[in-house]
Amino acid sequence: MIYLKTDEEIELLRISNQIVAKTLGELAKHVREGISTFELDKIAEEFIRDNGAIPSFLNYEGYPNSICTSVNEQIVHGIPSKKANLKNGDIISIDCGAYKNGYHGDSAYTFCVGEVDPKIVQLLRDTKASLYKGIEMAVEGNRLEDIGYAIQTYCESKGYSVVRELVGHGVGRNMHEEPEVPNYGRRGRGKKLVSGMVIAIEPMINMGRKEVYFEDDGWTVRTYDRKPAAHFEHTLAIRKGKADILSGFNFIESVLGEKEF
């Protein structure tokens, strides 16, 4: 069942997603060599609560923290740890959710730590670009797989692979709703997109093979070949002509400036 949102509900979703956007902007100030992913988690939780929201991820199906911190070959769902100190040359995907006024926000960004291999920086740049390729297709009248087709063809043309086991999703009163939003697909297939649908598009792109490995902690997903992966995510509302992005990277970009990552 896909729940269409009213304009009023979409504005409530925007509030939650803007809290997530601001939280990621706050974390951008702290991503650096030597900091632990646990410290980043505490910063995020405090910031979310200070903004009158609750971390969406905390205790979700038993997840123990407020953000997901996935480093290097970890694709998604990495658990923050006091032992996981960031090193120069690392990349880290931070996935964040916030719940306020009965609705969730959800967004993710992959950051560089210090001086990162230019080929890996390009992976981040291309994955981020693929997110917007998908968003361009997320308009009323198109089909769901048009989004995945745009992401897949762009990333595979760059020599990367697209994760199959993990997908985007609807967002609303529940953090994960229908429909699933794959990052691959065939043009013209899938459910028709209509105004009022709210979805999270989140390309998960591997530098090497597409196969993934699920770690014993029950959460962390990494690349099978241990090559780096990147992850970017926006929540948006389907509209006529152009999607309405409810989250945003503007707070991150204001911190990073010309660095981009």
C-alpha atoms as a PDB file:
ATOM      1  CA  MET A   1       0.000   0.000   0.000  1.00  0.00           C
ATOM      2  CA  ILE A   2       1.411   3.366  -1.089  1.00  0.00           C
ATOM      3  CA  TYR A   3       0.194   6.258   1.050  1.00  0.00           C
ATOM      4  CA  LEU A   4      -0.164   9.536  -0.826  1.00  0.00           C
ATOM      5  CA  LYS A   5       0.546  12.615   1.279  1.00  0.00           C
ATOM      6  CA  THR A   6      -1.439  15.831   1.387  1.00  0.00           C
ATOM      7  CA  ASP A   7       0.306  19.182   0.989  1.00  0.00           C
ATOM      8  CA  GLU A   8       0.036  19.651   4.757  1.00  0.00           C
ATOM      9  CA  GLU A   9       1.688  16.293   5.411  1.00  0.00           C
ATOM     10  CA  ILE A  10       4.466  17.088   2.949  1.00  0.00           C
ATOM     11  CA  GLU A  11       5.232  20.288   4.876  1.00  0.00           C
ATOM     12  CA  LEU A  12       5.493  18.259   8.093  1.00  0.00           C
ATOM     13  CA  LEU A  13       7.802  15.858   6.286  1.00  0.00           C
ATOM     14  CA  ARG A  14       9.851  18.848   5.155  1.00  0.00           C
ATOM     15  CA  ILE A  15      10.345  19.916   8.785  1.00  0.00           C
ATOM     16  CA  SER A  16      11.703  16.486   9.744  1.00  0.00           C
ATOM     17  CA  ASN A  17      13.910  16.301   6.681  1.00  0.00           C
ATOM     18  CA  GLN A  18      15.331  19.768   7.290  1.00  0.00           C
ATOM     19  CA  ILE A  19      16.314  18.674  10.791  1.00  0.00           C
ATOM     20  CA  VAL A  20      18.179  15.783   9.185  1.00  0.00           C
ATOM     21  CA  ALA A  21      19.819  18.161   6.711  1.00  0.00           C
ATOM     22  CA  LYS A  22      20.942  20.440   9.552  1.00  0.00           C
ATOM     23  CA  THR A  23      22.212  17.464  11.547  1.00  0.00           C
ATOM     24  CA  LEU A  24      24.367  16.323   8.634  1.00  0.00           C
ATOM     25  CA  GLY A  25      25.620  19.896   8.324  1.00  0.00           C
ATOM     26  CA  GLU A  26      26.581  19.846  12.002  1.00  0.00           C
ATOM     27  CA  LEU A  27      28.367  16.517  11.566  1.00  0.00           C
ATOM     28  CA  ALA A  28      30.291  17.957   8.615  1.00  0.00           C
ATOM     29  CA  LYS A  29      32.028  20.232  11.135  1.00  0.00           C
ATOM     30  CA  HIS A  30      33.278  17.232  13.112  1.00  0.00           C
ATOM     31  CA  VAL A  31      34.278  14.618  10.510  1.00  0.00           C
ATOM     32  CA  ARG A  32      38.052  14.544  10.872  1.00  0.00           C
ATOM     33  CA  GLU A  33      40.991  12.268  11.491  1.00  0.00           C
ATOM     34  CA  GLY A  34      40.985  10.781  14.999  1.00  0.00           C
ATOM     35  CA  ILE A  35      37.306  11.215  15.884  1.00  0.00           C
ATOM     36  CA  SER A  36      35.385   8.037  16.650  1.00  0.00           C
ATOM     37  CA  THR A  37      32.146   7.153  14.938  1.00  0.00           C
ATOM     38  CA  PHE A  38      30.617   6.879  18.422  1.00  0.00           C
ATOM     39  CA  GLU A  39      31.456  10.540  19.053  1.00  0.00           C
ATOM     40  CA  LEU A  40      29.735  11.476  15.797  1.00  0.00           C
ATOM     41  CA  ASP A  41      26.694   9.506  16.912  1.00  0.00           C
ATOM     42  CA  LYS A  42      26.471  11.404  20.205  1.00  0.00           C
ATOM     43  CA  ILE A  43      26.785  14.750  18.405  1.00  0.00           C
ATOM     44  CA  ALA A  44      23.970  13.761  16.057  1.00  0.00           C
ATOM     45  CA  GLU A  45      21.646  12.539  18.800  1.00  0.00           C
ATOM     46  CA  GLU A  46      22.095  15.691  20.870  1.00  0.00           C
ATOM     47  CA  PHE A  47      21.541  17.930  17.837  1.00  0.00           C
ATOM     48  CA  ILE A  48      18.392  16.067  16.752  1.00  0.00           C
ATOM     49  CA  ARG A  49      16.916  16.244  20.252  1.00  0.00           C
ATOM     50  CA  ASP A  50      17.855  19.919  20.613  1.00  0.00           C
ATOM     51  CA  ASN A  51      15.750  20.518  17.509  1.00  0.00           C
ATOM     52  CA  GLY A  52      12.719  18.921  19.112  1.00  0.00           C
ATOM     53  CA  ALA A  53      12.928  15.635  17.243  1.00  0.00           C
ATOM     54  CA  ILE A  54      13.759  12.016  18.032  1.00  0.00           C
ATOM     55  CA  PRO A  55      16.420   9.992  16.172  1.00  0.00           C
ATOM     56  CA  SER A  56      14.497   7.735  13.795  1.00  0.00           C
ATOM     57  CA  PHE A  57      17.149   5.029  13.760  1.00  0.00           C
ATOM     58  CA  LEU A  58      17.618   4.634  17.517  1.00  0.00           C
ATOM     59  CA  ASN A  59      16.103   1.273  18.570  1.00  0.00           C
ATOM     60  CA  TYR A  60      14.591   0.761  15.111  1.00  0.00           C
ATOM     61  CA  GLU A  61      14.280  -3.030  14.927  1.00  0.00           C
ATOM     62  CA  GLY A  62      16.955  -3.142  17.606  1.00  0.00           C
ATOM     63  CA  TYR A  63      19.458  -0.790  15.962  1.00  0.00           C
ATOM     64  CA  PRO A  64      21.547   0.603  18.853  1.00  0.00           C
ATOM     65  CA  ASN A  65      22.452   4.114  17.646  1.00  0.00           C
ATOM     66  CA  SER A  66      21.135   7.358  16.183  1.00  0.00           C
ATOM     67  CA  ILE A  67      23.064   7.358  12.898  1.00  0.00           C
ATOM     68  CA  CYS A  68      24.651   4.778  10.606  1.00  0.00           C
ATOM     69  CA  THR A  69      28.376   5.287  10.052  1.00  0.00           C
ATOM     70  CA  SER A  70      29.751   3.217   7.174  1.00  0.00           C
ATOM     71  CA  VAL A  71      33.485   3.522   6.526  1.00  0.00           C
ATOM     72  CA  ASN A  72      35.328   2.697   3.284  1.00  0.00           C
ATOM     73  CA  GLU A  73      34.087  -0.729   2.077  1.00  0.00           C
ATOM     74  CA  GLN A  74      31.082  -0.579   4.402  1.00  0.00           C
ATOM     75  CA  ILE A  75      28.116   0.348   2.210  1.00  0.00           C
ATOM     76  CA  VAL A  76      25.370   1.032   4.764  1.00  0.00           C
ATOM     77  CA  HIS A  77      24.187   0.351   8.326  1.00  0.00           C
ATOM     78  CA  GLY A  78      27.613   0.542   9.967  1.00  0.00           C
ATOM     79  CA  ILE A  79      27.244   0.748  13.756  1.00  0.00           C
ATOM     80  CA  PRO A  80      29.052   3.623  15.527  1.00  0.00           C
ATOM     81  CA  SER A  81      31.847   2.447  17.824  1.00  0.00           C
ATOM     82  CA  LYS A  82      34.252   3.951  20.339  1.00  0.00           C
ATOM     83  CA  LYS A  83      36.954   1.847  18.672  1.00  0.00           C
ATOM     84  CA  ALA A  84      36.261   3.069  15.129  1.00  0.00           C
ATOM     85  CA  ASN A  85      38.501   6.135  14.861  1.00  0.00           C
ATOM     86  CA  LEU A  86      38.578   7.789  11.466  1.00  0.00           C
ATOM     87  CA  LYS A  87      41.900   7.859   9.637  1.00  0.00           C
ATOM     88  CA  ASN A  88      43.331  10.126   6.990  1.00  0.00           C
ATOM     89  CA  GLY A  89      42.203   8.823   3.601  1.00  0.00           C
ATOM     90  CA  ASP A  90      38.965   7.244   4.868  1.00  0.00           C
ATOM     91  CA  ILE A  91      35.519   7.920   3.487  1.00  0.00           C
ATOM     92  CA  ILE A  92      32.437   7.687   5.698  1.00  0.00           C
ATOM     93  CA  SER A  93      28.774   7.485   4.744  1.00  0.00           C
ATOM     94  CA  ILE A  94      26.570   8.992   7.444  1.00  0.00           C
ATOM     95  CA  ASP A  95      22.894   8.070   7.210  1.00  0.00           C
ATOM     96  CA  CYS A  96      20.568  10.027   9.486  1.00  0.00           C
ATOM     97  CA  GLY A  97      16.874  10.060  10.341  1.00  0.00           C
ATOM     98  CA  ALA A  98      14.711  12.314  12.514  1.00  0.00           C
ATOM     99  CA  TYR A  99      11.115  11.957  13.689  1.00  0.00           C
ATOM    100  CA  LYS A 100       8.957  14.970  14.524  1.00  0.00           C
ATOM    101  CA  ASN A 101       5.242  15.799  14.361  1.00  0.00           C
ATOM    102  CA  GLY A 102       4.481  12.199  13.415  1.00  0.00           C
ATOM    103  CA  TYR A 103       6.713  12.079  10.341  1.00  0.00           C
ATOM    104  CA  HIS A 104      10.238  10.938   9.492  1.00  0.00           C
ATOM    105  CA  GLY A 105      13.135  12.537   7.658  1.00  0.00           C
ATOM    106  CA  ASP A 106      15.911  10.526   6.019  1.00  0.00           C
ATOM    107  CA  SER A 107      19.098  11.528   4.206  1.00  0.00           C
ATOM    108  CA  ALA A 108      22.713  10.412   3.780  1.00  0.00           C
ATOM    109  CA  TYR A 109      26.036  11.866   2.624  1.00  0.00           C
ATOM    110  CA  THR A 110      29.494  10.368   2.129  1.00  0.00           C
ATOM    111  CA  PHE A 111      32.339  12.473   3.539  1.00  0.00           C
ATOM    112  CA  CYS A 112      36.096  12.431   2.977  1.00  0.00           C
ATOM    113  CA  VAL A 113      38.522  12.312   5.893  1.00  0.00           C
ATOM    114  CA  GLY A 114      41.660  14.292   5.099  1.00  0.00           C
ATOM    115  CA  GLU A 115      43.411  13.520   1.812  1.00  0.00           C
ATOM    116  CA  VAL A 116      41.534  10.808  -0.082  1.00  0.00           C
ATOM    117  CA  ASP A 117      42.644   8.936  -3.203  1.00  0.00           C
ATOM    118  CA  PRO A 118      41.396  10.966  -6.218  1.00  0.00           C
ATOM    119  CA  LYS A 119      39.789   7.844  -7.740  1.00  0.00           C
ATOM    120  CA  ILE A 120      37.715   7.402  -4.585  1.00  0.00           C
ATOM    121  CA  VAL A 121      36.789  11.090  -4.557  1.00  0.00           C
ATOM    122  CA  GLN A 122      35.558  10.617  -8.120  1.00  0.00           C
ATOM    123  CA  LEU A 123      33.431   7.671  -6.959  1.00  0.00           C
ATOM    124  CA  LEU A 124      31.787  10.007  -4.446  1.00  0.00           C
ATOM    125  CA  ARG A 125      31.308  12.719  -7.025  1.00  0.00           C
ATOM    126  CA  ASP A 126      29.737  10.325  -9.523  1.00  0.00           C
ATOM    127  CA  THR A 127      27.495   8.659  -6.934  1.00  0.00           C
ATOM    128  CA  LYS A 128      26.232  12.058  -5.797  1.00  0.00           C
ATOM    129  CA  ALA A 129      25.608  13.015  -9.427  1.00  0.00           C
ATOM    130  CA  SER A 130      23.682   9.779  -9.976  1.00  0.00           C
ATOM    131  CA  LEU A 131      21.349  10.718  -7.128  1.00  0.00           C
ATOM    132  CA  TYR A 132      20.317  13.822  -9.033  1.00  0.00           C
ATOM    133  CA  LYS A 133      20.010  11.818 -12.264  1.00  0.00           C
ATOM    134  CA  GLY A 134      17.464   9.688 -10.421  1.00  0.00           C
ATOM    135  CA  ILE A 135      15.691  12.714  -8.979  1.00  0.00           C
ATOM    136  CA  GLU A 136      15.280  14.166 -12.483  1.00  0.00           C
ATOM    137  CA  MET A 137      13.140  11.116 -13.302  1.00  0.00           C
ATOM    138  CA  ALA A 138      11.082  11.323 -10.095  1.00  0.00           C
ATOM    139  CA  VAL A 139       8.156  13.264 -11.552  1.00  0.00           C
ATOM    140  CA  GLU A 140       4.482  12.576 -12.025  1.00  0.00           C
ATOM    141  CA  GLY A 141       3.763  10.361 -15.014  1.00  0.00           C
ATOM    142  CA  ASN A 142       7.086   8.552 -15.069  1.00  0.00           C
ATOM    143  CA  ARG A 143       7.544   4.984 -13.863  1.00  0.00           C
ATOM    144  CA  LEU A 144       9.346   3.850 -10.740  1.00  0.00           C
ATOM    145  CA  GLU A 145      12.066   1.998 -12.626  1.00  0.00           C
ATOM    146  CA  ASP A 146      12.865   5.128 -14.651  1.00  0.00           C
ATOM    147  CA  ILE A 147      14.624   6.329 -11.493  1.00  0.00           C
ATOM    148  CA  GLY A 148      16.754   3.209 -11.137  1.00  0.00           C
ATOM    149  CA  TYR A 149      17.464   3.089 -14.865  1.00  0.00           C
ATOM    150  CA  ALA A 150      18.876   6.622 -14.766  1.00  0.00           C
ATOM    151  CA  ILE A 151      21.098   5.814 -11.778  1.00  0.00           C
ATOM    152  CA  GLN A 152      22.250   2.452 -13.120  1.00  0.00           C
ATOM    153  CA  THR A 153      23.122   3.593 -16.629  1.00  0.00           C
ATOM    154  CA  TYR A 154      25.034   6.621 -15.357  1.00  0.00           C
ATOM    155  CA  CYS A 155      27.070   4.695 -12.775  1.00  0.00           C
ATOM    156  CA  GLU A 156      27.786   1.687 -14.970  1.00  0.00           C
ATOM    157  CA  SER A 157      28.966   4.032 -17.738  1.00  0.00           C
ATOM    158  CA  LYS A 158      31.588   5.217 -15.236  1.00  0.00           C
ATOM    159  CA  GLY A 159      32.748   1.667 -14.545  1.00  0.00           C
ATOM    160  CA  TYR A 160      31.044   1.200 -11.160  1.00  0.00           C
ATOM    161  CA  SER A 161      28.519  -1.388 -10.009  1.00  0.00           C
ATOM    162  CA  VAL A 162      25.110  -0.929  -8.431  1.00  0.00           C
ATOM    163  CA  VAL A 163      24.081  -2.754  -5.251  1.00  0.00           C
ATOM    164  CA  ARG A 164      20.976  -4.903  -5.758  1.00  0.00           C
ATOM    165  CA  GLU A 165      20.142  -6.087  -2.228  1.00  0.00           C
ATOM    166  CA  LEU A 166      19.520  -2.609  -0.784  1.00  0.00           C
ATOM    167  CA  VAL A 167      17.070  -0.035  -2.124  1.00  0.00           C
ATOM    168  CA  GLY A 168      15.377   3.274  -1.443  1.00  0.00           C
ATOM    169  CA  HIS A 169      11.858   3.435  -0.044  1.00  0.00           C
ATOM    170  CA  GLY A 170       8.768   5.440   0.729  1.00  0.00           C
ATOM    171  CA  VAL A 171       8.887   7.806   3.724  1.00  0.00           C
ATOM    172  CA  GLY A 172       6.069   9.066   5.912  1.00  0.00           C
ATOM    173  CA  ARG A 173       4.626   8.180   9.294  1.00  0.00           C
ATOM    174  CA  ASN A 174       6.850   5.116   9.023  1.00  0.00           C
ATOM    175  CA  MET A 175      10.521   5.431   8.179  1.00  0.00           C
ATOM    176  CA  HIS A 176      10.255   2.692   5.561  1.00  0.00           C
ATOM    177  CA  GLU A 177       7.093   2.533   3.496  1.00  0.00           C
ATOM    178  CA  GLU A 178       6.104   1.288   0.071  1.00  0.00           C
ATOM    179  CA  PRO A 179       7.271   1.525  -2.632  1.00  0.00           C
ATOM    180  CA  GLU A 180      10.771   0.098  -2.759  1.00  0.00           C
ATOM    181  CA  VAL A 181      12.978   2.281  -4.968  1.00  0.00           C
ATOM    182  CA  PRO A 182      15.783   0.250  -6.590  1.00  0.00           C
ATOM    183  CA  ASN A 183      18.879   1.911  -8.014  1.00  0.00           C
ATOM    184  CA  TYR A 184      18.623  -0.217 -11.148  1.00  0.00           C
ATOM    185  CA  GLY A 185      15.815  -1.063 -13.518  1.00  0.00           C
ATOM    186  CA  ARG A 186      14.329  -0.917 -16.986  1.00  0.00           C
ATOM    187  CA  ARG A 187      12.965   2.279 -18.437  1.00  0.00           C
ATOM    188  CA  GLY A 188       9.172   2.470 -18.539  1.00  0.00           C
ATOM    189  CA  ARG A 189       8.552  -0.253 -15.971  1.00  0.00           C
ATOM    190  CA  GLY A 190       7.220  -0.243 -12.428  1.00  0.00           C
ATOM    191  CA  LYS A 191       4.494   1.683 -10.664  1.00  0.00           C
ATOM    192  CA  LYS A 192       3.418   5.000 -12.138  1.00  0.00           C
ATOM    193  CA  LEU A 193       4.629   7.995 -10.120  1.00  0.00           C
ATOM    194  CA  VAL A 194       1.899  10.363  -8.929  1.00  0.00           C
ATOM    195  CA  SER A 195       1.904  13.591  -6.955  1.00  0.00           C
ATOM    196  CA  GLY A 196       1.793  13.005  -3.216  1.00  0.00           C
ATOM    197  CA  MET A 197       4.184  10.063  -3.202  1.00  0.00           C
ATOM    198  CA  VAL A 198       7.161  10.699  -0.905  1.00  0.00           C
ATOM    199  CA  ILE A 199      10.230   8.561  -1.481  1.00  0.00           C
ATOM    200  CA  ALA A 200      13.874   8.319  -0.488  1.00  0.00           C
ATOM    201  CA  ILE A 201      16.257   7.792  -3.385  1.00  0.00           C
ATOM    202  CA  GLU A 202      19.628   6.484  -2.200  1.00  0.00           C
ATOM    203  CA  PRO A 203      22.229   5.239  -4.676  1.00  0.00           C
ATOM    204  CA  MET A 204      24.655   2.719  -3.130  1.00  0.00           C
ATOM    205  CA  ILE A 205      27.473   2.378  -5.611  1.00  0.00           C
ATOM    206  CA  ASN A 206      30.549   0.146  -5.438  1.00  0.00           C
ATOM    207  CA  MET A 207      33.930   0.828  -6.965  1.00  0.00           C
ATOM    208  CA  GLY A 208      34.365  -2.906  -7.595  1.00  0.00           C
ATOM    209  CA  ARG A 209      31.900  -5.770  -7.790  1.00  0.00           C
ATOM    210  CA  LYS A 210      28.199  -5.372  -7.005  1.00  0.00           C
ATOM    211  CA  GLU A 211      28.081  -8.290  -4.549  1.00  0.00           C
ATOM    212  CA  VAL A 212      27.727  -7.484  -0.855  1.00  0.00           C
ATOM    213  CA  TYR A 213      28.515  -9.228   2.425  1.00  0.00           C
ATOM    214  CA  PHE A 214      26.404  -8.993   5.586  1.00  0.00           C
ATOM    215  CA  GLU A 215      28.572  -8.786   8.709  1.00  0.00           C
ATOM    216  CA  ASP A 216      27.949 -10.876  11.826  1.00  0.00           C
ATOM    217  CA  ASP A 217      26.690  -7.855  13.802  1.00  0.00           C
ATOM    218  CA  GLY A 218      23.413  -8.218  11.921  1.00  0.00           C
ATOM    219  CA  TRP A 219      23.544  -4.717  10.463  1.00  0.00           C
ATOM    220  CA  THR A 220      26.717  -3.725   8.643  1.00  0.00           C
ATOM    221  CA  VAL A 221      26.751  -4.379   4.900  1.00  0.00           C
ATOM    222  CA  ARG A 222      30.083  -4.181   3.079  1.00  0.00           C
ATOM    223  CA  THR A 223      31.351  -4.819  -0.412  1.00  0.00           C
ATOM    224  CA  TYR A 224      32.268  -8.446  -1.021  1.00  0.00           C
ATOM    225  CA  ASP A 225      35.611  -7.517  -2.567  1.00  0.00           C
ATOM    226  CA  ARG A 226      36.316  -4.877   0.124  1.00  0.00           C
ATOM    227  CA  LYS A 227      36.622  -2.079  -2.408  1.00  0.00           C
ATOM    228  CA  PRO A 228      35.137   1.310  -1.439  1.00  0.00           C
ATOM    229  CA  ALA A 229      31.460   2.168  -1.744  1.00  0.00           C
ATOM    230  CA  ALA A 230      29.591   5.478  -1.702  1.00  0.00           C
ATOM    231  CA  HIS A 231      26.068   6.344  -0.538  1.00  0.00           C
ATOM    232  CA  PHE A 232      23.978   9.497  -0.952  1.00  0.00           C
ATOM    233  CA  GLU A 233      20.290   9.962  -0.167  1.00  0.00           C
ATOM    234  CA  HIS A 234      17.515  12.532  -0.466  1.00  0.00           C
ATOM    235  CA  THR A 235      13.859  12.357   0.538  1.00  0.00           C
ATOM    236  CA  LEU A 236      11.557  14.027  -1.965  1.00  0.00           C
ATOM    237  CA  ALA A 237       7.929  14.483  -2.939  1.00  0.00           C
ATOM    238  CA  ILE A 238       6.729  13.550  -6.413  1.00  0.00           C
ATOM    239  CA  ARG A 239       5.287  16.550  -8.248  1.00  0.00           C
ATOM    240  CA  LYS A 240       4.444  17.528 -11.814  1.00  0.00           C
ATOM    241  CA  GLY A 241       7.469  18.630 -13.802  1.00  0.00           C
ATOM    242  CA  LYS A 242      10.072  18.562 -11.031  1.00  0.00           C
ATOM    243  CA  ALA A 243      10.540  16.683  -7.752  1.00  0.00           C
ATOM    244  CA  ASP A 244      10.356  18.633  -4.491  1.00  0.00           C
ATOM    245  CA  ILE A 245      13.481  17.730  -2.488  1.00  0.00           C
ATOM    246  CA  LEU A 246      12.518  17.809   1.197  1.00  0.00           C
ATOM    247  CA  SER A 247      15.994  17.148   2.615  1.00  0.00           C
ATOM    248  CA  GLY A 248      19.078  18.938   1.268  1.00  0.00           C
ATOM    249  CA  PHE A 249      22.859  19.131   1.246  1.00  0.00           C
ATOM    250  CA  ASN A 250      23.029  22.920   1.553  1.00  0.00           C
ATOM    251  CA  PHE A 251      24.030  22.862   5.230  1.00  0.00           C
ATOM    252  CA  ILE A 252      26.820  20.387   4.467  1.00  0.00           C
ATOM    253  CA  GLU A 253      27.986  22.443   1.519  1.00  0.00           C
ATOM    254  CA  SER A 254      28.066  25.625   3.565  1.00  0.00           C
ATOM    255  CA  VAL A 255      30.479  23.887   5.957  1.00  0.00           C
ATOM    256  CA  LEU A 256      32.654  22.183   3.336  1.00  0.00           C
ATOM    257  CA  GLY A 257      32.719  25.125   0.955  1.00  0.00           C
ATOM    258  CA  GLU A 258      34.755  24.486  -2.181  1.00  0.00           C
ATOM    259  CA  LYS A 259      35.946  21.101  -0.859  1.00  0.00           C
ATOM    260  CA  GLU A 260      32.604  19.410  -1.764  1.00  0.00           C
ATOM    261  CA  PHE A 261      33.654  16.325   0.217  1.00  0.00           C
END
